[in-house]
Amino acid sequence: MTIHIEDLTFDVIIGLLDFERDRPQRVIINLQASYDYSDDQFIDYADMVLLIQNELKEKRYELLENALLGLKEILYTTYPQLQTLSLKISKPDILTQCTVSLSKTWNF
């Protein structure tokens, strides 16, 4: 099975610049995760969404790179049945002319 969480949007403190540390900014998270499904071995996508939001809100990462690695760690620790995980974090409001994103895929 593959879970897709698309365009999860919320405000967090993330970034290096002074104004990024002072006020929350919008981020968009996209996730794709595959795992072996069975009746007693399923992943609750609503719990996964809360886990992502809590991780980013609590840690207040400075770099998107560290945010991606932090999300990977908490997701894989919580869901060791994951076989693949693809994450993308976008900051749509940091530059007026574009959306900036960072992504990574892991195979476990």
PDB file of N, CA and C in Angstrom:
ATOM      1  N   MET A   1       0.839  -1.183   0.000  1.00  0.00           N
ATOM      2  CA  MET A   1       0.000   0.000   0.000  1.00  0.00           C
ATOM      3  C   MET A   1       0.884   1.246   0.000  1.00  0.00           C
ATOM      4  N   THR A   2       0.319   2.313  -0.525  1.00  0.00           N
ATOM      5  CA  THR A   2       1.011   3.599  -0.516  1.00  0.00           C
ATOM      6  C   THR A   2       0.071   4.677   0.006  1.00  0.00           C
ATOM      7  N   ILE A   3       0.522   5.386   1.002  1.00  0.00           N
ATOM      8  CA  ILE A   3      -0.216   6.542   1.536  1.00  0.00           C
ATOM      9  C   ILE A   3       0.282   7.788   0.817  1.00  0.00           C
ATOM     10  N   HIS A   4      -0.649   8.627   0.418  1.00  0.00           N
ATOM     11  CA  HIS A   4      -0.328   9.922  -0.176  1.00  0.00           C
ATOM     12  C   HIS A   4      -0.953  10.999   0.702  1.00  0.00           C
ATOM     13  N   ILE A   5      -0.151  11.894   1.192  1.00  0.00           N
ATOM     14  CA  ILE A   5      -0.639  13.084   1.886  1.00  0.00           C
ATOM     15  C   ILE A   5      -0.197  14.248   1.018  1.00  0.00           C
ATOM     16  N   GLU A   6      -1.171  14.944   0.474  1.00  0.00           N
ATOM     17  CA  GLU A   6      -0.873  15.987  -0.501  1.00  0.00           C
ATOM     18  C   GLU A   6      -1.312  17.351   0.002  1.00  0.00           C
ATOM     19  N   ASP A   7      -0.416  18.301  -0.133  1.00  0.00           N
ATOM     20  CA  ASP A   7      -0.702  19.703   0.158  1.00  0.00           C
ATOM     21  C   ASP A   7      -1.175  19.946   1.591  1.00  0.00           C
ATOM     22  N   LEU A   8      -0.548  19.263   2.535  1.00  0.00           N
ATOM     23  CA  LEU A   8      -0.783  19.540   3.947  1.00  0.00           C
ATOM     24  C   LEU A   8      -0.196  20.918   4.241  1.00  0.00           C
ATOM     25  N   THR A   9      -1.054  21.866   4.569  1.00  0.00           N
ATOM     26  CA  THR A   9      -0.646  23.262   4.692  1.00  0.00           C
ATOM     27  C   THR A   9      -0.915  23.774   6.099  1.00  0.00           C
ATOM     28  N   PHE A  10       0.108  24.369   6.696  1.00  0.00           N
ATOM     29  CA  PHE A  10      -0.022  24.968   8.017  1.00  0.00           C
ATOM     30  C   PHE A  10       1.122  25.952   8.222  1.00  0.00           C
ATOM     31  N   ASP A  11       1.046  26.735   9.287  1.00  0.00           N
ATOM     32  CA  ASP A  11       2.046  27.759   9.581  1.00  0.00           C
ATOM     33  C   ASP A  11       2.988  27.273  10.681  1.00  0.00           C
ATOM     34  N   VAL A  12       4.299  27.489  10.471  1.00  0.00           N
ATOM     35  CA  VAL A  12       5.316  27.125  11.458  1.00  0.00           C
ATOM     36  C   VAL A  12       6.456  28.137  11.411  1.00  0.00           C
ATOM     37  N   ILE A  13       7.251  28.114  12.462  1.00  0.00           N
ATOM     38  CA  ILE A  13       8.516  28.844  12.462  1.00  0.00           C
ATOM     39  C   ILE A  13       9.536  27.935  11.799  1.00  0.00           C
ATOM     40  N   ILE A  14      10.072  28.370  10.665  1.00  0.00           N
ATOM     41  CA  ILE A  14      11.086  27.584   9.965  1.00  0.00           C
ATOM     42  C   ILE A  14      11.915  28.546   9.119  1.00  0.00           C
ATOM     43  N   GLY A  15      13.218  28.442   9.219  1.00  0.00           N
ATOM     44  CA  GLY A  15      14.088  29.299   8.437  1.00  0.00           C
ATOM     45  C   GLY A  15      15.202  29.903   9.270  1.00  0.00           C
ATOM     46  N   LEU A  16      16.165  30.497   8.575  1.00  0.00           N
ATOM     47  CA  LEU A  16      17.348  31.094   9.202  1.00  0.00           C
ATOM     48  C   LEU A  16      17.231  32.594   9.439  1.00  0.00           C
ATOM     49  N   LEU A  17      16.530  33.267   8.561  1.00  0.00           N
ATOM     50  CA  LEU A  17      16.480  34.729   8.608  1.00  0.00           C
ATOM     51  C   LEU A  17      15.709  35.224   9.821  1.00  0.00           C
ATOM     52  N   ASP A  18      16.057  36.428  10.293  1.00  0.00           N
ATOM     53  CA  ASP A  18      15.436  36.983  11.497  1.00  0.00           C
ATOM     54  C   ASP A  18      13.915  36.986  11.413  1.00  0.00           C
ATOM     55  N   PHE A  19      13.373  37.442  10.303  1.00  0.00           N
ATOM     56  CA  PHE A  19      11.913  37.519  10.193  1.00  0.00           C
ATOM     57  C   PHE A  19      11.272  36.139  10.144  1.00  0.00           C
ATOM     58  N   GLU A  20      12.031  35.127   9.709  1.00  0.00           N
ATOM     59  CA  GLU A  20      11.513  33.751   9.695  1.00  0.00           C
ATOM     60  C   GLU A  20      11.458  33.164  11.102  1.00  0.00           C
ATOM     61  N   ARG A  21      12.277  33.676  12.004  1.00  0.00           N
ATOM     62  CA  ARG A  21      12.304  33.188  13.386  1.00  0.00           C
ATOM     63  C   ARG A  21      11.264  33.908  14.242  1.00  0.00           C
ATOM     64  N   ASP A  22      10.772  35.064  13.758  1.00  0.00           N
ATOM     65  CA  ASP A  22       9.836  35.877  14.533  1.00  0.00           C
ATOM     66  C   ASP A  22       8.370  35.525  14.307  1.00  0.00           C
ATOM     67  N   ARG A  23       8.044  35.123  13.101  1.00  0.00           N
ATOM     68  CA  ARG A  23       6.628  34.858  12.823  1.00  0.00           C
ATOM     69  C   ARG A  23       6.483  33.597  11.964  1.00  0.00           C
ATOM     70  N   PRO A  24       5.420  32.852  12.225  1.00  0.00           N
ATOM     71  CA  PRO A  24       5.196  31.623  11.457  1.00  0.00           C
ATOM     72  C   PRO A  24       4.976  31.940   9.979  1.00  0.00           C
ATOM     73  N   GLN A  25       5.378  31.008   9.151  1.00  0.00           N
ATOM     74  CA  GLN A  25       5.122  31.127   7.719  1.00  0.00           C
ATOM     75  C   GLN A  25       4.494  29.824   7.226  1.00  0.00           C
ATOM     76  N   ARG A  26       3.833  29.937   6.118  1.00  0.00           N
ATOM     77  CA  ARG A  26       3.122  28.803   5.548  1.00  0.00           C
ATOM     78  C   ARG A  26       4.113  27.802   4.948  1.00  0.00           C
ATOM     79  N   VAL A  27       3.887  26.521   5.249  1.00  0.00           N
ATOM     80  CA  VAL A  27       4.613  25.440   4.588  1.00  0.00           C
ATOM     81  C   VAL A  27       3.588  24.473   4.007  1.00  0.00           C
ATOM     82  N   ILE A  28       4.015  23.780   2.975  1.00  0.00           N
ATOM     83  CA  ILE A  28       3.181  22.753   2.359  1.00  0.00           C
ATOM     84  C   ILE A  28       3.987  21.463   2.353  1.00  0.00           C
ATOM     85  N   ILE A  29       3.408  20.414   2.905  1.00  0.00           N
ATOM     86  CA  ILE A  29       4.067  19.121   2.997  1.00  0.00           C
ATOM     87  C   ILE A  29       3.381  18.144   2.056  1.00  0.00           C
ATOM     88  N   ASN A  30       4.196  17.430   1.288  1.00  0.00           N
ATOM     89  CA  ASN A  30       3.702  16.322   0.470  1.00  0.00           C
ATOM     90  C   ASN A  30       4.483  15.085   0.866  1.00  0.00           C
ATOM     91  N   LEU A  31       3.773  13.987   1.031  1.00  0.00           N
ATOM     92  CA  LEU A  31       4.359  12.746   1.491  1.00  0.00           C
ATOM     93  C   LEU A  31       3.821  11.588   0.672  1.00  0.00           C
ATOM     94  N   GLN A  32       4.679  10.640   0.412  1.00  0.00           N
ATOM     95  CA  GLN A  32       4.286   9.367  -0.176  1.00  0.00           C
ATOM     96  C   GLN A  32       5.049   8.300   0.595  1.00  0.00           C
ATOM     97  N   ALA A  33       4.338   7.317   1.149  1.00  0.00           N
ATOM     98  CA  ALA A  33       4.966   6.283   1.963  1.00  0.00           C
ATOM     99  C   ALA A  33       4.357   4.933   1.627  1.00  0.00           C
ATOM    100  N   SER A  34       5.213   3.955   1.349  1.00  0.00           N
ATOM    101  CA  SER A  34       4.718   2.608   1.064  1.00  0.00           C
ATOM    102  C   SER A  34       5.049   1.679   2.220  1.00  0.00           C
ATOM    103  N   TYR A  35       4.179   0.673   2.412  1.00  0.00           N
ATOM    104  CA  TYR A  35       4.344  -0.304   3.492  1.00  0.00           C
ATOM    105  C   TYR A  35       3.522  -1.534   3.165  1.00  0.00           C
ATOM    106  N   ASP A  36       3.848  -2.650   3.852  1.00  0.00           N
ATOM    107  CA  ASP A  36       3.059  -3.871   3.711  1.00  0.00           C
ATOM    108  C   ASP A  36       1.831  -3.754   4.595  1.00  0.00           C
ATOM    109  N   TYR A  37       0.679  -3.828   3.983  1.00  0.00           N
ATOM    110  CA  TYR A  37      -0.585  -3.708   4.708  1.00  0.00           C
ATOM    111  C   TYR A  37      -1.063  -5.077   5.176  1.00  0.00           C
ATOM    112  N   SER A  38      -1.576  -5.095   6.396  1.00  0.00           N
ATOM    113  CA  SER A  38      -2.356  -6.217   6.895  1.00  0.00           C
ATOM    114  C   SER A  38      -3.372  -5.632   7.870  1.00  0.00           C
ATOM    115  N   ASP A  39      -4.358  -6.442   8.250  1.00  0.00           N
ATOM    116  CA  ASP A  39      -5.421  -5.928   9.120  1.00  0.00           C
ATOM    117  C   ASP A  39      -4.894  -5.345  10.423  1.00  0.00           C
ATOM    118  N   ASP A  40      -3.846  -5.916  10.959  1.00  0.00           N
ATOM    119  CA  ASP A  40      -3.309  -5.417  12.222  1.00  0.00           C
ATOM    120  C   ASP A  40      -2.060  -4.551  12.027  1.00  0.00           C
ATOM    121  N   GLN A  41      -1.700  -4.275  10.782  1.00  0.00           N
ATOM    122  CA  GLN A  41      -0.478  -3.535  10.485  1.00  0.00           C
ATOM    123  C   GLN A  41      -0.778  -2.418   9.476  1.00  0.00           C
ATOM    124  N   PHE A  42      -1.665  -1.512   9.870  1.00  0.00           N
ATOM    125  CA  PHE A  42      -2.006  -0.405   8.982  1.00  0.00           C
ATOM    126  C   PHE A  42      -1.500   0.900   9.578  1.00  0.00           C
ATOM    127  N   ILE A  43      -1.433   1.923   8.766  1.00  0.00           N
ATOM    128  CA  ILE A  43      -0.987   3.243   9.209  1.00  0.00           C
ATOM    129  C   ILE A  43      -2.175   4.193   9.155  1.00  0.00           C
ATOM    130  N   ASP A  44      -2.449   4.827  10.256  1.00  0.00           N
ATOM    131  CA  ASP A  44      -3.531   5.808  10.339  1.00  0.00           C
ATOM    132  C   ASP A  44      -3.014   7.135   9.792  1.00  0.00           C
ATOM    133  N   TYR A  45      -3.502   7.530   8.633  1.00  0.00           N
ATOM    134  CA  TYR A  45      -2.986   8.743   7.984  1.00  0.00           C
ATOM    135  C   TYR A  45      -3.302   9.999   8.782  1.00  0.00           C
ATOM    136  N   ALA A  46      -4.390  10.011   9.541  1.00  0.00           N
ATOM    137  CA  ALA A  46      -4.702  11.176  10.373  1.00  0.00           C
ATOM    138  C   ALA A  46      -3.653  11.334  11.481  1.00  0.00           C
ATOM    139  N   ASP A  47      -3.233  10.220  12.072  1.00  0.00           N
ATOM    140  CA  ASP A  47      -2.164  10.271  13.074  1.00  0.00           C
ATOM    141  C   ASP A  47      -0.852  10.733  12.446  1.00  0.00           C
ATOM    142  N   MET A  48      -0.604  10.297  11.224  1.00  0.00           N
ATOM    143  CA  MET A  48       0.617  10.686  10.526  1.00  0.00           C
ATOM    144  C   MET A  48       0.635  12.201  10.290  1.00  0.00           C
ATOM    145  N   VAL A  49      -0.495  12.766   9.917  1.00  0.00           N
ATOM    146  CA  VAL A  49      -0.601  14.215   9.707  1.00  0.00           C
ATOM    147  C   VAL A  49      -0.303  14.963  11.008  1.00  0.00           C
ATOM    148  N   LEU A  50      -0.891  14.517  12.112  1.00  0.00           N
ATOM    149  CA  LEU A  50      -0.638  15.165  13.402  1.00  0.00           C
ATOM    150  C   LEU A  50       0.832  15.055  13.813  1.00  0.00           C
ATOM    151  N   LEU A  51       1.436  13.916  13.550  1.00  0.00           N
ATOM    152  CA  LEU A  51       2.844  13.709  13.865  1.00  0.00           C
ATOM    153  C   LEU A  51       3.724  14.700  13.095  1.00  0.00           C
ATOM    154  N   ILE A  52       3.441  14.887  11.819  1.00  0.00           N
ATOM    155  CA  ILE A  52       4.186  15.832  10.981  1.00  0.00           C
ATOM    156  C   ILE A  52       4.027  17.259  11.506  1.00  0.00           C
ATOM    157  N   GLN A  53       2.791  17.648  11.754  1.00  0.00           N
ATOM    158  CA  GLN A  53       2.541  19.007  12.231  1.00  0.00           C
ATOM    159  C   GLN A  53       3.216  19.262  13.579  1.00  0.00           C
ATOM    160  N   ASN A  54       3.096  18.321  14.495  1.00  0.00           N
ATOM    161  CA  ASN A  54       3.691  18.496  15.817  1.00  0.00           C
ATOM    162  C   ASN A  54       5.213  18.567  15.744  1.00  0.00           C
ATOM    163  N   GLU A  55       5.822  17.724  14.931  1.00  0.00           N
ATOM    164  CA  GLU A  55       7.279  17.731  14.793  1.00  0.00           C
ATOM    165  C   GLU A  55       7.780  19.094  14.320  1.00  0.00           C
ATOM    166  N   LEU A  56       7.155  19.629  13.274  1.00  0.00           N
ATOM    167  CA  LEU A  56       7.623  20.900  12.725  1.00  0.00           C
ATOM    168  C   LEU A  56       7.304  22.081  13.648  1.00  0.00           C
ATOM    169  N   LYS A  57       6.168  22.032  14.315  1.00  0.00           N
ATOM    170  CA  LYS A  57       5.811  23.138  15.215  1.00  0.00           C
ATOM    171  C   LYS A  57       6.673  23.141  16.467  1.00  0.00           C
ATOM    172  N   GLU A  58       6.993  21.975  16.993  1.00  0.00           N
ATOM    173  CA  GLU A  58       7.785  21.895  18.223  1.00  0.00           C
ATOM    174  C   GLU A  58       9.260  22.190  17.993  1.00  0.00           C
ATOM    175  N   LYS A  59       9.823  21.685  16.900  1.00  0.00           N
ATOM    176  CA  LYS A  59      11.270  21.785  16.688  1.00  0.00           C
ATOM    177  C   LYS A  59      11.702  23.125  16.101  1.00  0.00           C
ATOM    178  N   ARG A  60      10.821  23.788  15.383  1.00  0.00           N
ATOM    179  CA  ARG A  60      11.152  25.109  14.815  1.00  0.00           C
ATOM    180  C   ARG A  60      12.496  25.087  14.087  1.00  0.00           C
ATOM    181  N   TYR A  61      12.606  24.233  13.112  1.00  0.00           N
ATOM    182  CA  TYR A  61      13.851  24.035  12.372  1.00  0.00           C
ATOM    183  C   TYR A  61      14.317  25.306  11.675  1.00  0.00           C
ATOM    184  N   GLU A  62      15.627  25.454  11.548  1.00  0.00           N
ATOM    185  CA  GLU A  62      16.197  26.561  10.793  1.00  0.00           C
ATOM    186  C   GLU A  62      16.349  26.202   9.317  1.00  0.00           C
ATOM    187  N   LEU A  63      16.729  24.969   9.029  1.00  0.00           N
ATOM    188  CA  LEU A  63      16.958  24.545   7.648  1.00  0.00           C
ATOM    189  C   LEU A  63      15.916  23.532   7.199  1.00  0.00           C
ATOM    190  N   LEU A  64      15.484  23.663   5.956  1.00  0.00           N
ATOM    191  CA  LEU A  64      14.569  22.673   5.391  1.00  0.00           C
ATOM    192  C   LEU A  64      15.212  21.289   5.391  1.00  0.00           C
ATOM    193  N   GLU A  65      16.519  21.239   5.172  1.00  0.00           N
ATOM    194  CA  GLU A  65      17.237  19.962   5.167  1.00  0.00           C
ATOM    195  C   GLU A  65      17.069  19.244   6.504  1.00  0.00           C
ATOM    196  N   ASN A  66      17.249  19.987   7.590  1.00  0.00           N
ATOM    197  CA  ASN A  66      17.096  19.387   8.917  1.00  0.00           C
ATOM    198  C   ASN A  66      15.642  19.030   9.214  1.00  0.00           C
ATOM    199  N   ALA A  67      14.722  19.814   8.714  1.00  0.00           N
ATOM    200  CA  ALA A  67      13.305  19.505   8.886  1.00  0.00           C
ATOM    201  C   ALA A  67      12.958  18.192   8.185  1.00  0.00           C
ATOM    202  N   LEU A  68      13.457  18.015   6.964  1.00  0.00           N
ATOM    203  CA  LEU A  68      13.215  16.758   6.247  1.00  0.00           C
ATOM    204  C   LEU A  68      13.784  15.568   7.013  1.00  0.00           C
ATOM    205  N   LEU A  69      15.014  15.702   7.497  1.00  0.00           N
ATOM    206  CA  LEU A  69      15.643  14.608   8.236  1.00  0.00           C
ATOM    207  C   LEU A  69      14.914  14.332   9.559  1.00  0.00           C
ATOM    208  N   GLY A  70      14.447  15.378  10.214  1.00  0.00           N
ATOM    209  CA  GLY A  70      13.678  15.204  11.438  1.00  0.00           C
ATOM    210  C   GLY A  70      12.363  14.491  11.194  1.00  0.00           C
ATOM    211  N   LEU A  71      11.679  14.864  10.116  1.00  0.00           N
ATOM    212  CA  LEU A  71      10.422  14.191   9.766  1.00  0.00           C
ATOM    213  C   LEU A  71      10.666  12.731   9.424  1.00  0.00           C
ATOM    214  N   LYS A  72      11.715  12.467   8.658  1.00  0.00           N
ATOM    215  CA  LYS A  72      12.046  11.078   8.305  1.00  0.00           C
ATOM    216  C   LYS A  72      12.274  10.258   9.572  1.00  0.00           C
ATOM    217  N   GLU A  73      13.040  10.801  10.507  1.00  0.00           N
ATOM    218  CA  GLU A  73      13.370  10.069  11.737  1.00  0.00           C
ATOM    219  C   GLU A  73      12.122   9.758  12.555  1.00  0.00           C
ATOM    220  N   ILE A  74      11.272  10.761  12.779  1.00  0.00           N
ATOM    221  CA  ILE A  74      10.079  10.546  13.598  1.00  0.00           C
ATOM    222  C   ILE A  74       9.088   9.620  12.906  1.00  0.00           C
ATOM    223  N   LEU A  75       8.953   9.732  11.589  1.00  0.00           N
ATOM    224  CA  LEU A  75       8.025   8.872  10.861  1.00  0.00           C
ATOM    225  C   LEU A  75       8.497   7.419  10.840  1.00  0.00           C
ATOM    226  N   TYR A  76       9.785   7.210  10.585  1.00  0.00           N
ATOM    227  CA  TYR A  76      10.293   5.836  10.528  1.00  0.00           C
ATOM    228  C   TYR A  76      10.324   5.203  11.923  1.00  0.00           C
ATOM    229  N   THR A  77      10.612   5.987  12.945  1.00  0.00           N
ATOM    230  CA  THR A  77      10.588   5.465  14.314  1.00  0.00           C
ATOM    231  C   THR A  77       9.167   5.066  14.713  1.00  0.00           C
ATOM    232  N   THR A  78       8.209   5.873  14.339  1.00  0.00           N
ATOM    233  CA  THR A  78       6.813   5.608  14.682  1.00  0.00           C
ATOM    234  C   THR A  78       6.217   4.502  13.822  1.00  0.00           C
ATOM    235  N   TYR A  79       6.640   4.436  12.562  1.00  0.00           N
ATOM    236  CA  TYR A  79       6.099   3.455  11.617  1.00  0.00           C
ATOM    237  C   TYR A  79       7.234   2.643  11.003  1.00  0.00           C
ATOM    238  N   PRO A  80       7.792   1.692  11.760  1.00  0.00           N
ATOM    239  CA  PRO A  80       8.939   0.923  11.252  1.00  0.00           C
ATOM    240  C   PRO A  80       8.587   0.009  10.078  1.00  0.00           C
ATOM    241  N   GLN A  81       7.309  -0.158   9.801  1.00  0.00           N
ATOM    242  CA  GLN A  81       6.897  -0.973   8.656  1.00  0.00           C
ATOM    243  C   GLN A  81       7.041  -0.231   7.321  1.00  0.00           C
ATOM    244  N   LEU A  82       7.436   1.054   7.365  1.00  0.00           N
ATOM    245  CA  LEU A  82       7.634   1.801   6.124  1.00  0.00           C
ATOM    246  C   LEU A  82       8.713   1.140   5.267  1.00  0.00           C
ATOM    247  N   GLN A  83       8.438   1.067   3.986  1.00  0.00           N
ATOM    248  CA  GLN A  83       9.414   0.536   3.033  1.00  0.00           C
ATOM    249  C   GLN A  83      10.070   1.655   2.243  1.00  0.00           C
ATOM    250  N   THR A  84       9.277   2.638   1.864  1.00  0.00           N
ATOM    251  CA  THR A  84       9.798   3.831   1.197  1.00  0.00           C
ATOM    252  C   THR A  84       9.098   5.048   1.790  1.00  0.00           C
ATOM    253  N   LEU A  85       9.799   6.166   1.739  1.00  0.00           N
ATOM    254  CA  LEU A  85       9.235   7.424   2.225  1.00  0.00           C
ATOM    255  C   LEU A  85       9.754   8.537   1.341  1.00  0.00           C
ATOM    256  N   SER A  86       8.844   9.314   0.801  1.00  0.00           N
ATOM    257  CA  SER A  86       9.202  10.477   0.001  1.00  0.00           C
ATOM    258  C   SER A  86       8.540  11.699   0.631  1.00  0.00           C
ATOM    259  N   LEU A  87       9.357  12.698   0.947  1.00  0.00           N
ATOM    260  CA  LEU A  87       8.870  13.923   1.576  1.00  0.00           C
ATOM    261  C   LEU A  87       9.263  15.139   0.762  1.00  0.00           C
ATOM    262  N   LYS A  88       8.378  16.112   0.752  1.00  0.00           N
ATOM    263  CA  LYS A  88       8.672  17.393   0.111  1.00  0.00           C
ATOM    264  C   LYS A  88       8.112  18.495   1.005  1.00  0.00           C
ATOM    265  N   ILE A  89       8.961  19.471   1.325  1.00  0.00           N
ATOM    266  CA  ILE A  89       8.540  20.647   2.095  1.00  0.00           C
ATOM    267  C   ILE A  89       8.663  21.863   1.184  1.00  0.00           C
ATOM    268  N   SER A  90       7.584  22.619   1.067  1.00  0.00           N
ATOM    269  CA  SER A  90       7.578  23.818   0.236  1.00  0.00           C
ATOM    270  C   SER A  90       7.283  25.040   1.100  1.00  0.00           C
ATOM    271  N   LYS A  91       7.953  26.145   0.756  1.00  0.00           N
ATOM    272  CA  LYS A  91       7.710  27.440   1.382  1.00  0.00           C
ATOM    273  C   LYS A  91       7.203  28.371   0.264  1.00  0.00           C
ATOM    274  N   PRO A  92       5.882  28.475   0.125  1.00  0.00           N
ATOM    275  CA  PRO A  92       5.330  29.213  -1.012  1.00  0.00           C
ATOM    276  C   PRO A  92       5.417  30.728  -0.897  1.00  0.00           C
ATOM    277  N   ASP A  93       5.694  31.234   0.285  1.00  0.00           N
ATOM    278  CA  ASP A  93       5.623  32.686   0.482  1.00  0.00           C
ATOM    279  C   ASP A  93       6.974  33.346   0.740  1.00  0.00           C
ATOM    280  N   ILE A  94       8.063  32.589   0.739  1.00  0.00           N
ATOM    281  CA  ILE A  94       9.361  33.156   1.106  1.00  0.00           C
ATOM    282  C   ILE A  94       9.922  34.070   0.004  1.00  0.00           C
ATOM    283  N   LEU A  95       9.680  33.724  -1.249  1.00  0.00           N
ATOM    284  CA  LEU A  95      10.062  34.560  -2.389  1.00  0.00           C
ATOM    285  C   LEU A  95       8.803  34.896  -3.175  1.00  0.00           C
ATOM    286  N   THR A  96       8.695  36.130  -3.621  1.00  0.00           N
ATOM    287  CA  THR A  96       7.468  36.552  -4.305  1.00  0.00           C
ATOM    288  C   THR A  96       7.303  35.924  -5.679  1.00  0.00           C
ATOM    289  N   GLN A  97       8.401  35.581  -6.328  1.00  0.00           N
ATOM    290  CA  GLN A  97       8.320  35.118  -7.705  1.00  0.00           C
ATOM    291  C   GLN A  97       8.243  33.596  -7.864  1.00  0.00           C
ATOM    292  N   CYS A  98       8.331  32.823  -6.723  1.00  0.00           N
ATOM    293  CA  CYS A  98       8.311  31.368  -6.859  1.00  0.00           C
ATOM    294  C   CYS A  98       8.035  30.703  -5.516  1.00  0.00           C
ATOM    295  N   THR A  99       7.806  29.408  -5.574  1.00  0.00           N
ATOM    296  CA  THR A  99       7.728  28.556  -4.391  1.00  0.00           C
ATOM    297  C   THR A  99       9.042  27.801  -4.281  1.00  0.00           C
ATOM    298  N   VAL A 100       9.618  27.791  -3.099  1.00  0.00           N
ATOM    299  CA  VAL A 100      10.869  27.073  -2.854  1.00  0.00           C
ATOM    300  C   VAL A 100      10.540  25.761  -2.147  1.00  0.00           C
ATOM    301  N   SER A 101      11.158  24.658  -2.602  1.00  0.00           N
ATOM    302  CA  SER A 101      10.887  23.346  -2.021  1.00  0.00           C
ATOM    303  C   SER A 101      12.174  22.555  -1.874  1.00  0.00           C
ATOM    304  N   LEU A 102      12.107  21.579  -0.997  1.00  0.00           N
ATOM    305  CA  LEU A 102      13.188  20.620  -0.832  1.00  0.00           C
ATOM    306  C   LEU A 102      12.533  19.259  -0.655  1.00  0.00           C
ATOM    307  N   SER A 103      13.120  18.238  -1.292  1.00  0.00           N
ATOM    308  CA  SER A 103      12.522  16.901  -1.197  1.00  0.00           C
ATOM    309  C   SER A 103      13.596  15.833  -1.083  1.00  0.00           C
ATOM    310  N   LYS A 104      13.179  14.669  -0.618  1.00  0.00           N
ATOM    311  CA  LYS A 104      14.081  13.524  -0.512  1.00  0.00           C
ATOM    312  C   LYS A 104      13.245  12.256  -0.446  1.00  0.00           C
ATOM    313  N   THR A 105      13.810  11.167  -0.985  1.00  0.00           N
ATOM    314  CA  THR A 105      13.182   9.848  -0.925  1.00  0.00           C
ATOM    315  C   THR A 105      14.133   8.870  -0.264  1.00  0.00           C
ATOM    316  N   TRP A 106      13.595   8.049   0.625  1.00  0.00           N
ATOM    317  CA  TRP A 106      14.369   7.023   1.317  1.00  0.00           C
ATOM    318  C   TRP A 106      13.768   5.657   1.032  1.00  0.00           C
ATOM    319  N   ASN A 107      14.629   4.655   0.916  1.00  0.00           N
ATOM    320  CA  ASN A 107      14.216   3.255   0.816  1.00  0.00           C
ATOM    321  C   ASN A 107      14.733   2.568   2.076  1.00  0.00           C
ATOM    322  N   PHE A 108      13.852   1.894   2.791  1.00  0.00           N
ATOM    323  CA  PHE A 108      14.258   1.237   4.043  1.00  0.00           C
ATOM    324  C   PHE A 108      14.372  -0.269   3.835  1.00  0.00           C
TER     325      PHE A 108
END
